């Protein structure tokens, strides 16, 4: 028969697994994984796994997170866990894997069929894994909101502030360049006016000098005329 004991009221593994979140979930043969979990009692695997018999294929060691997650997935009693419970005491006694499985199954054959064992994995333990994945995803989201959300908001504020500062700098640069252009244009106009005035001053100075020369010549002529008139007067009347 199929075991239907529910464990939906068990807390999720988010808090338990968070410390090992960087560990990869290494896929492993379900049968070997069950045997490992039973031998370890749901604890993290040893750093150096026990060597497998020469006739058995060496299974890759599971990470601490994978071992903990597997223990949770197999926590619900099913036809499959009934088989693993019988396999555990045979591990060190029956070295041939096929013989060991047949011996363990013989102990539950009267109440469990092979089809029920396979269905327990496909319909109950796989579903339990999906449930844990959903719970863990929710834990990750909570963690992200709690530890990343505030920082992300501050990043947005900083980005907005820096963008505003960049725009302000660009505006000030444009205004400054425009003001510099105005000042340079004004200086250019003043320089042109300066050159014009300098030429006009020089022209006026030369013009006045010419008038001065003309006046001096006229003054000399008048003085000479007065001198001649005086001499003439004295000569005729004196």
C-alpha atoms as a PDB file:
ATOM      1  CA  UNK A   1       0.000   0.000   0.000  1.00  0.00           C
ATOM      2  CA  UNK A   2       1.015   3.627  -0.357  1.00  0.00           C
ATOM      3  CA  UNK A   3       1.931   5.681   2.737  1.00  0.00           C
ATOM      4  CA  UNK A   4       0.109   9.027   2.826  1.00  0.00           C
ATOM      5  CA  UNK A   5       1.432  10.510   6.080  1.00  0.00           C
ATOM      6  CA  UNK A   6       1.563  14.294   5.508  1.00  0.00           C
ATOM      7  CA  UNK A   7       4.301  16.617   6.676  1.00  0.00           C
ATOM      8  CA  UNK A   8       2.976  19.827   5.117  1.00  0.00           C
ATOM      9  CA  UNK A   9       2.943  21.454   8.558  1.00  0.00           C
ATOM     10  CA  UNK A  10       6.737  21.116   8.869  1.00  0.00           C
ATOM     11  CA  UNK A  11       8.629  24.419   8.630  1.00  0.00           C
ATOM     12  CA  UNK A  12      10.536  25.112   5.437  1.00  0.00           C
ATOM     13  CA  UNK A  13      14.271  24.669   5.145  1.00  0.00           C
ATOM     14  CA  UNK A  14      15.039  28.282   4.214  1.00  0.00           C
ATOM     15  CA  UNK A  15      16.579  29.182   7.571  1.00  0.00           C
ATOM     16  CA  UNK A  16      18.421  25.859   7.874  1.00  0.00           C
ATOM     17  CA  UNK A  17      19.881  25.963   4.373  1.00  0.00           C
ATOM     18  CA  UNK A  18      20.714  29.665   4.242  1.00  0.00           C
ATOM     19  CA  UNK A  19      24.154  29.219   5.776  1.00  0.00           C
ATOM     20  CA  UNK A  20      25.078  26.831   2.993  1.00  0.00           C
ATOM     21  CA  UNK A  21      23.443  28.749   0.164  1.00  0.00           C
ATOM     22  CA  UNK A  22      26.691  28.845  -1.826  1.00  0.00           C
ATOM     23  CA  UNK A  23      26.926  25.031  -1.860  1.00  0.00           C
ATOM     24  CA  UNK A  24      25.813  23.329  -5.054  1.00  0.00           C
ATOM     25  CA  UNK A  25      23.046  20.731  -4.999  1.00  0.00           C
ATOM     26  CA  UNK A  26      24.880  17.755  -6.462  1.00  0.00           C
ATOM     27  CA  UNK A  27      22.581  15.261  -8.121  1.00  0.00           C
ATOM     28  CA  UNK A  28      23.058  11.720  -6.922  1.00  0.00           C
ATOM     29  CA  UNK A  29      21.493   8.365  -7.567  1.00  0.00           C
ATOM     30  CA  UNK A  30      18.337   8.302  -5.361  1.00  0.00           C
ATOM     31  CA  UNK A  31      19.112   4.845  -3.978  1.00  0.00           C
ATOM     32  CA  UNK A  32      22.683   5.706  -3.042  1.00  0.00           C
ATOM     33  CA  UNK A  33      21.503   9.048  -1.657  1.00  0.00           C
ATOM     34  CA  UNK A  34      18.904   7.355   0.535  1.00  0.00           C
ATOM     35  CA  UNK A  35      21.470   4.924   1.848  1.00  0.00           C
ATOM     36  CA  UNK A  36      23.863   7.795   2.597  1.00  0.00           C
ATOM     37  CA  UNK A  37      21.201   9.849   4.359  1.00  0.00           C
ATOM     38  CA  UNK A  38      20.144   6.906   6.526  1.00  0.00           C
ATOM     39  CA  UNK A  39      23.721   6.114   7.519  1.00  0.00           C
ATOM     40  CA  UNK A  40      24.407   9.751   8.361  1.00  0.00           C
ATOM     41  CA  UNK A  41      21.125  10.237  10.178  1.00  0.00           C
ATOM     42  CA  UNK A  42      20.352  13.350   8.147  1.00  0.00           C
ATOM     43  CA  UNK A  43      23.655  15.016   9.102  1.00  0.00           C
ATOM     44  CA  UNK A  44      26.129  16.608   6.710  1.00  0.00           C
ATOM     45  CA  UNK A  45      28.404  14.054   5.004  1.00  0.00           C
ATOM     46  CA  UNK A  46      31.929  13.435   6.198  1.00  0.00           C
ATOM     47  CA  UNK A  47      34.690  15.263   4.372  1.00  0.00           C
ATOM     48  CA  UNK A  48      36.128  11.924   3.207  1.00  0.00           C
ATOM     49  CA  UNK A  49      33.419   9.423   2.254  1.00  0.00           C
ATOM     50  CA  UNK A  50      33.923   5.768   3.061  1.00  0.00           C
ATOM     51  CA  UNK A  51      35.351   3.885   0.089  1.00  0.00           C
ATOM     52  CA  UNK A  52      32.755   1.889  -1.819  1.00  0.00           C
ATOM     53  CA  UNK A  53      33.283  -1.838  -2.437  1.00  0.00           C
ATOM     54  CA  UNK A  54      35.227  -2.657  -5.575  1.00  0.00           C
ATOM     55  CA  UNK A  55      32.081  -4.039  -7.189  1.00  0.00           C
ATOM     56  CA  UNK A  56      30.049  -0.846  -6.635  1.00  0.00           C
ATOM     57  CA  UNK A  57      30.325   2.390  -8.594  1.00  0.00           C
ATOM     58  CA  UNK A  58      31.737   5.228  -6.485  1.00  0.00           C
ATOM     59  CA  UNK A  59      29.057   7.872  -5.842  1.00  0.00           C
ATOM     60  CA  UNK A  60      29.998  11.526  -5.802  1.00  0.00           C
ATOM     61  CA  UNK A  61      29.836  12.992  -2.268  1.00  0.00           C
ATOM     62  CA  UNK A  62      26.882  15.265  -1.598  1.00  0.00           C
ATOM     63  CA  UNK A  63      27.278  18.795  -0.343  1.00  0.00           C
ATOM     64  CA  UNK A  64      26.090  19.708   3.146  1.00  0.00           C
ATOM     65  CA  UNK A  65      23.090  21.505   1.672  1.00  0.00           C
ATOM     66  CA  UNK A  66      22.167  18.560  -0.536  1.00  0.00           C
ATOM     67  CA  UNK A  67      22.375  16.122   2.374  1.00  0.00           C
ATOM     68  CA  UNK A  68      20.184  18.338   4.558  1.00  0.00           C
ATOM     69  CA  UNK A  69      17.688  18.883   1.779  1.00  0.00           C
ATOM     70  CA  UNK A  70      17.543  15.166   0.997  1.00  0.00           C
ATOM     71  CA  UNK A  71      16.879  14.339   4.653  1.00  0.00           C
ATOM     72  CA  UNK A  72      13.913  16.740   4.570  1.00  0.00           C
ATOM     73  CA  UNK A  73      12.603  15.339   1.278  1.00  0.00           C
ATOM     74  CA  UNK A  74      12.768  11.778   2.654  1.00  0.00           C
ATOM     75  CA  UNK A  75      11.326  12.721   6.050  1.00  0.00           C
ATOM     76  CA  UNK A  76       7.811  11.669   5.017  1.00  0.00           C
ATOM     77  CA  UNK A  77       7.245   7.906   5.550  1.00  0.00           C
ATOM     78  CA  UNK A  78       6.527   6.242   2.223  1.00  0.00           C
ATOM     79  CA  UNK A  79       6.892   2.866   0.579  1.00  0.00           C
ATOM     80  CA  UNK A  80      10.330   3.952  -0.572  1.00  0.00           C
ATOM     81  CA  UNK A  81      11.533   4.998   2.904  1.00  0.00           C
ATOM     82  CA  UNK A  82      10.266   1.642   4.195  1.00  0.00           C
ATOM     83  CA  UNK A  83      12.733   0.023   1.793  1.00  0.00           C
ATOM     84  CA  UNK A  84      15.605   2.302   2.830  1.00  0.00           C
ATOM     85  CA  UNK A  85      14.984   1.457   6.482  1.00  0.00           C
ATOM     86  CA  UNK A  86      15.506  -2.199   5.627  1.00  0.00           C
ATOM     87  CA  UNK A  87      18.555  -1.431   3.491  1.00  0.00           C
ATOM     88  CA  UNK A  88      20.404   0.406   6.254  1.00  0.00           C
ATOM     89  CA  UNK A  89      21.276  -2.557   8.506  1.00  0.00           C
ATOM     90  CA  UNK A  90      22.331  -4.582   5.447  1.00  0.00           C
ATOM     91  CA  UNK A  91      24.927  -2.068   4.283  1.00  0.00           C
ATOM     92  CA  UNK A  92      27.847  -3.610   6.098  1.00  0.00           C
ATOM     93  CA  UNK A  93      26.624  -7.171   5.777  1.00  0.00           C
ATOM     94  CA  UNK A  94      25.579  -7.714   2.165  1.00  0.00           C
ATOM     95  CA  UNK A  95      28.193  -6.158  -0.083  1.00  0.00           C
ATOM     96  CA  UNK A  96      26.546  -6.933  -3.416  1.00  0.00           C
ATOM     97  CA  UNK A  97      24.082  -4.143  -4.132  1.00  0.00           C
ATOM     98  CA  UNK A  98      21.586  -6.223  -6.102  1.00  0.00           C
ATOM     99  CA  UNK A  99      21.514  -8.935  -3.399  1.00  0.00           C
ATOM    100  CA  UNK A 100      21.142  -6.272  -0.720  1.00  0.00           C
ATOM    101  CA  UNK A 101      18.181  -4.675  -2.465  1.00  0.00           C
ATOM    102  CA  UNK A 102      16.487  -8.011  -3.036  1.00  0.00           C
ATOM    103  CA  UNK A 103      16.992  -8.966   0.613  1.00  0.00           C
ATOM    104  CA  UNK A 104      15.606  -5.650   1.854  1.00  0.00           C
ATOM    105  CA  UNK A 105      12.637  -5.834  -0.504  1.00  0.00           C
ATOM    106  CA  UNK A 106      11.867  -9.367   0.642  1.00  0.00           C
ATOM    107  CA  UNK A 107      11.209  -7.923   4.099  1.00  0.00           C
ATOM    108  CA  UNK A 108       8.478  -5.570   2.808  1.00  0.00           C
ATOM    109  CA  UNK A 109       7.246  -7.495  -0.225  1.00  0.00           C
ATOM    110  CA  UNK A 110       3.985  -8.430   1.495  1.00  0.00           C
ATOM    111  CA  UNK A 111       2.918  -4.790   1.876  1.00  0.00           C
ATOM    112  CA  UNK A 112       4.878  -2.915  -0.807  1.00  0.00           C
ATOM    113  CA  UNK A 113       5.118  -3.544  -4.544  1.00  0.00           C
ATOM    114  CA  UNK A 114       7.947  -2.300  -6.763  1.00  0.00           C
ATOM    115  CA  UNK A 115       5.415  -0.101  -8.525  1.00  0.00           C
ATOM    116  CA  UNK A 116       4.516   1.468  -5.188  1.00  0.00           C
ATOM    117  CA  UNK A 117       8.201   2.144  -4.458  1.00  0.00           C
ATOM    118  CA  UNK A 118       8.617   3.891  -7.803  1.00  0.00           C
ATOM    119  CA  UNK A 119       5.368   5.822  -7.326  1.00  0.00           C
ATOM    120  CA  UNK A 120       6.519   6.941  -3.876  1.00  0.00           C
ATOM    121  CA  UNK A 121       9.605   8.526  -5.435  1.00  0.00           C
ATOM    122  CA  UNK A 122       7.781  10.041  -8.421  1.00  0.00           C
ATOM    123  CA  UNK A 123       4.657  11.257  -6.673  1.00  0.00           C
ATOM    124  CA  UNK A 124       5.686  11.972  -3.078  1.00  0.00           C
ATOM    125  CA  UNK A 125       9.406  12.609  -2.734  1.00  0.00           C
ATOM    126  CA  UNK A 126       9.740  14.519  -6.009  1.00  0.00           C
ATOM    127  CA  UNK A 127       6.744  16.608  -4.941  1.00  0.00           C
ATOM    128  CA  UNK A 128       8.343  17.145  -1.532  1.00  0.00           C
ATOM    129  CA  UNK A 129      11.437  18.437  -3.317  1.00  0.00           C
ATOM    130  CA  UNK A 130       9.307  20.833  -5.373  1.00  0.00           C
ATOM    131  CA  UNK A 131       7.653  22.057  -2.166  1.00  0.00           C
ATOM    132  CA  UNK A 132      11.041  22.713  -0.595  1.00  0.00           C
ATOM    133  CA  UNK A 133      12.192  24.535  -3.724  1.00  0.00           C
ATOM    134  CA  UNK A 134       9.114  26.770  -3.486  1.00  0.00           C
ATOM    135  CA  UNK A 135       9.721  27.443   0.219  1.00  0.00           C
ATOM    136  CA  UNK A 136      13.380  28.133  -0.373  1.00  0.00           C
ATOM    137  CA  UNK A 137      12.574  30.525  -3.240  1.00  0.00           C
ATOM    138  CA  UNK A 138      10.284  32.425  -0.857  1.00  0.00           C
ATOM    139  CA  UNK A 139      13.086  32.547   1.724  1.00  0.00           C
ATOM    140  CA  UNK A 140      15.453  33.927  -0.907  1.00  0.00           C
ATOM    141  CA  UNK A 141      12.949  36.599  -1.860  1.00  0.00           C
ATOM    142  CA  UNK A 142      12.550  37.600   1.790  1.00  0.00           C
ATOM    143  CA  UNK A 143      16.312  37.697   2.165  1.00  0.00           C
ATOM    144  CA  UNK A 144      16.620  39.807  -0.965  1.00  0.00           C
ATOM    145  CA  UNK A 145      13.980  42.241   0.248  1.00  0.00           C
ATOM    146  CA  UNK A 146      15.597  42.460   3.667  1.00  0.00           C
ATOM    147  CA  UNK A 147      19.258  42.731   2.687  1.00  0.00           C
ATOM    148  CA  UNK A 148      19.267  43.904  -0.923  1.00  0.00           C
ATOM    149  CA  UNK A 149      16.131  46.032  -1.117  1.00  0.00           C
ATOM    150  CA  UNK A 150      17.401  48.897   1.061  1.00  0.00           C
ATOM    151  CA  UNK A 151      20.744  48.939  -0.723  1.00  0.00           C
ATOM    152  CA  UNK A 152      19.040  48.833  -4.116  1.00  0.00           C
ATOM    153  CA  UNK A 153      16.866  51.797  -3.126  1.00  0.00           C
ATOM    154  CA  UNK A 154      19.938  53.720  -1.958  1.00  0.00           C
ATOM    155  CA  UNK A 155      21.637  52.888  -5.258  1.00  0.00           C
ATOM    156  CA  UNK A 156      18.639  54.313  -7.108  1.00  0.00           C
ATOM    157  CA  UNK A 157      18.805  57.479  -4.991  1.00  0.00           C
ATOM    158  CA  UNK A 158      22.543  57.800  -5.638  1.00  0.00           C
ATOM    159  CA  UNK A 159      22.061  57.198  -9.356  1.00  0.00           C
ATOM    160  CA  UNK A 160      19.359  59.862  -9.506  1.00  0.00           C
ATOM    161  CA  UNK A 161      21.508  62.284  -7.495  1.00  0.00           C
ATOM    162  CA  UNK A 162      24.550  61.695  -9.679  1.00  0.00           C
ATOM    163  CA  UNK A 163      22.480  62.085 -12.843  1.00  0.00           C
ATOM    164  CA  UNK A 164      21.071  65.359 -11.515  1.00  0.00           C
ATOM    165  CA  UNK A 165      24.589  66.548 -10.617  1.00  0.00           C
ATOM    166  CA  UNK A 166      25.852  65.608 -14.068  1.00  0.00           C
ATOM    167  CA  UNK A 167      23.004  67.535 -15.674  1.00  0.00           C
ATOM    168  CA  UNK A 168      23.707  70.508 -13.419  1.00  0.00           C
ATOM    169  CA  UNK A 169      27.404  70.434 -14.331  1.00  0.00           C
ATOM    170  CA  UNK A 170      26.505  70.241 -18.022  1.00  0.00           C
ATOM    171  CA  UNK A 171      24.112  73.180 -17.644  1.00  0.00           C
ATOM    172  CA  UNK A 172      26.684  75.237 -15.729  1.00  0.00           C
ATOM    173  CA  UNK A 173      29.320  74.375 -18.324  1.00  0.00           C
ATOM    174  CA  UNK A 174      27.013  75.502 -21.136  1.00  0.00           C
ATOM    175  CA  UNK A 175      26.111  78.697 -19.295  1.00  0.00           C
ATOM    176  CA  UNK A 176      29.763  79.390 -18.477  1.00  0.00           C
ATOM    177  CA  UNK A 177      30.862  78.759 -22.044  1.00  0.00           C
ATOM    178  CA  UNK A 178      28.070  80.994 -23.298  1.00  0.00           C
ATOM    179  CA  UNK A 179      29.082  83.737 -20.840  1.00  0.00           C
ATOM    180  CA  UNK A 180      32.741  83.373 -21.837  1.00  0.00           C
ATOM    181  CA  UNK A 181      31.715  83.674 -25.482  1.00  0.00           C
ATOM    182  CA  UNK A 182      29.776  86.855 -24.663  1.00  0.00           C
ATOM    183  CA  UNK A 183      32.740  88.329 -22.799  1.00  0.00           C
ATOM    184  CA  UNK A 184      35.155  87.431 -25.595  1.00  0.00           C
ATOM    185  CA  UNK A 185      32.793  88.988 -28.154  1.00  0.00           C
ATOM    186  CA  UNK A 186      32.596  92.136 -26.033  1.00  0.00           C
ATOM    187  CA  UNK A 187      36.383  92.228 -25.739  1.00  0.00           C
ATOM    188  CA  UNK A 188      36.681  91.816 -29.503  1.00  0.00           C
ATOM    189  CA  UNK A 189      34.291  94.730 -30.050  1.00  0.00           C
ATOM    190  CA  UNK A 190      36.206  96.849 -27.544  1.00  0.00           C
ATOM    191  CA  UNK A 191      39.500  95.957 -29.213  1.00  0.00           C
ATOM    192  CA  UNK A 192      38.138  96.988 -32.607  1.00  0.00           C
ATOM    193  CA  UNK A 193      36.787 100.226 -31.116  1.00  0.00           C
ATOM    194  CA  UNK A 194      40.132 100.798 -29.437  1.00  0.00           C
ATOM    195  CA  UNK A 195      41.990 100.445 -32.729  1.00  0.00           C
ATOM    196  CA  UNK A 196      39.526 102.790 -34.445  1.00  0.00           C
ATOM    197  CA  UNK A 197      39.838 105.416 -31.730  1.00  0.00           C
ATOM    198  CA  UNK A 198      43.625 105.137 -31.789  1.00  0.00           C
ATOM    199  CA  UNK A 199      43.626 105.811 -35.533  1.00  0.00           C
ATOM    200  CA  UNK A 200      41.219 108.723 -35.117  1.00  0.00           C
ATOM    201  CA  UNK A 201      43.353 110.204 -32.335  1.00  0.00           C
ATOM    202  CA  UNK A 202      46.433 109.959 -34.506  1.00  0.00           C
ATOM    203  CA  UNK A 203      44.594 111.480 -37.455  1.00  0.00           C
ATOM    204  CA  UNK A 204      43.311 114.376 -35.309  1.00  0.00           C
ATOM    205  CA  UNK A 205      46.761 114.893 -33.854  1.00  0.00           C
ATOM    206  CA  UNK A 206      48.284 115.107 -37.314  1.00  0.00           C
ATOM    207  CA  UNK A 207      45.471 117.384 -38.460  1.00  0.00           C
ATOM    208  CA  UNK A 208      46.024 119.731 -35.522  1.00  0.00           C
ATOM    209  CA  UNK A 209      49.743 119.712 -36.134  1.00  0.00           C
ATOM    210  CA  UNK A 210      49.137 120.773 -39.729  1.00  0.00           C
ATOM    211  CA  UNK A 211      46.849 123.597 -38.560  1.00  0.00           C
ATOM    212  CA  UNK A 212      49.505 124.602 -36.060  1.00  0.00           C
ATOM    213  CA  UNK A 213      52.085 124.793 -38.801  1.00  0.00           C
ATOM    214  CA  UNK A 214      49.739 126.852 -40.973  1.00  0.00           C
ATOM    215  CA  UNK A 215      49.067 129.220 -38.060  1.00  0.00           C
ATOM    216  CA  UNK A 216      52.728 129.567 -37.294  1.00  0.00           C
ATOM    217  CA  UNK A 217      53.396 130.395 -40.930  1.00  0.00           C
ATOM    218  CA  UNK A 218      50.580 132.941 -40.986  1.00  0.00           C
ATOM    219  CA  UNK A 219      51.725 134.395 -37.693  1.00  0.00           C
ATOM    220  CA  UNK A 220      55.254 134.758 -39.073  1.00  0.00           C
ATOM    221  CA  UNK A 221      53.926 136.453 -42.183  1.00  0.00           C
ATOM    222  CA  UNK A 222      51.844 138.912 -40.140  1.00  0.00           C
ATOM    223  CA  UNK A 223      54.777 139.658 -37.847  1.00  0.00           C
ATOM    224  CA  UNK A 224      56.950 140.322 -40.899  1.00  0.00           C
ATOM    225  CA  UNK A 225      54.249 142.554 -42.356  1.00  0.00           C
ATOM    226  CA  UNK A 226      53.987 144.548 -39.115  1.00  0.00           C
ATOM    227  CA  UNK A 227      57.727 144.942 -38.966  1.00  0.00           C
ATOM    228  CA  UNK A 228      57.790 146.202 -42.569  1.00  0.00           C
ATOM    229  CA  UNK A 229      54.902 148.606 -41.884  1.00  0.00           C
ATOM    230  CA  UNK A 230      56.715 150.032 -38.860  1.00  0.00           C
ATOM    231  CA  UNK A 231      59.895 150.584 -40.841  1.00  0.00           C
ATOM    232  CA  UNK A 232      57.980 152.231 -43.641  1.00  0.00           C
ATOM    233  CA  UNK A 233      56.155 154.522 -41.204  1.00  0.00           C
ATOM    234  CA  UNK A 234      59.332 155.636 -39.547  1.00  0.00           C
ATOM    235  CA  UNK A 235      61.043 156.137 -42.834  1.00  0.00           C
ATOM    236  CA  UNK A 236      58.407 158.404 -44.252  1.00  0.00           C
ATOM    237  CA  UNK A 237      57.148 160.152 -41.198  1.00  0.00           C
ATOM    238  CA  UNK A 238      59.909 159.998 -38.763  1.00  0.00           C
END
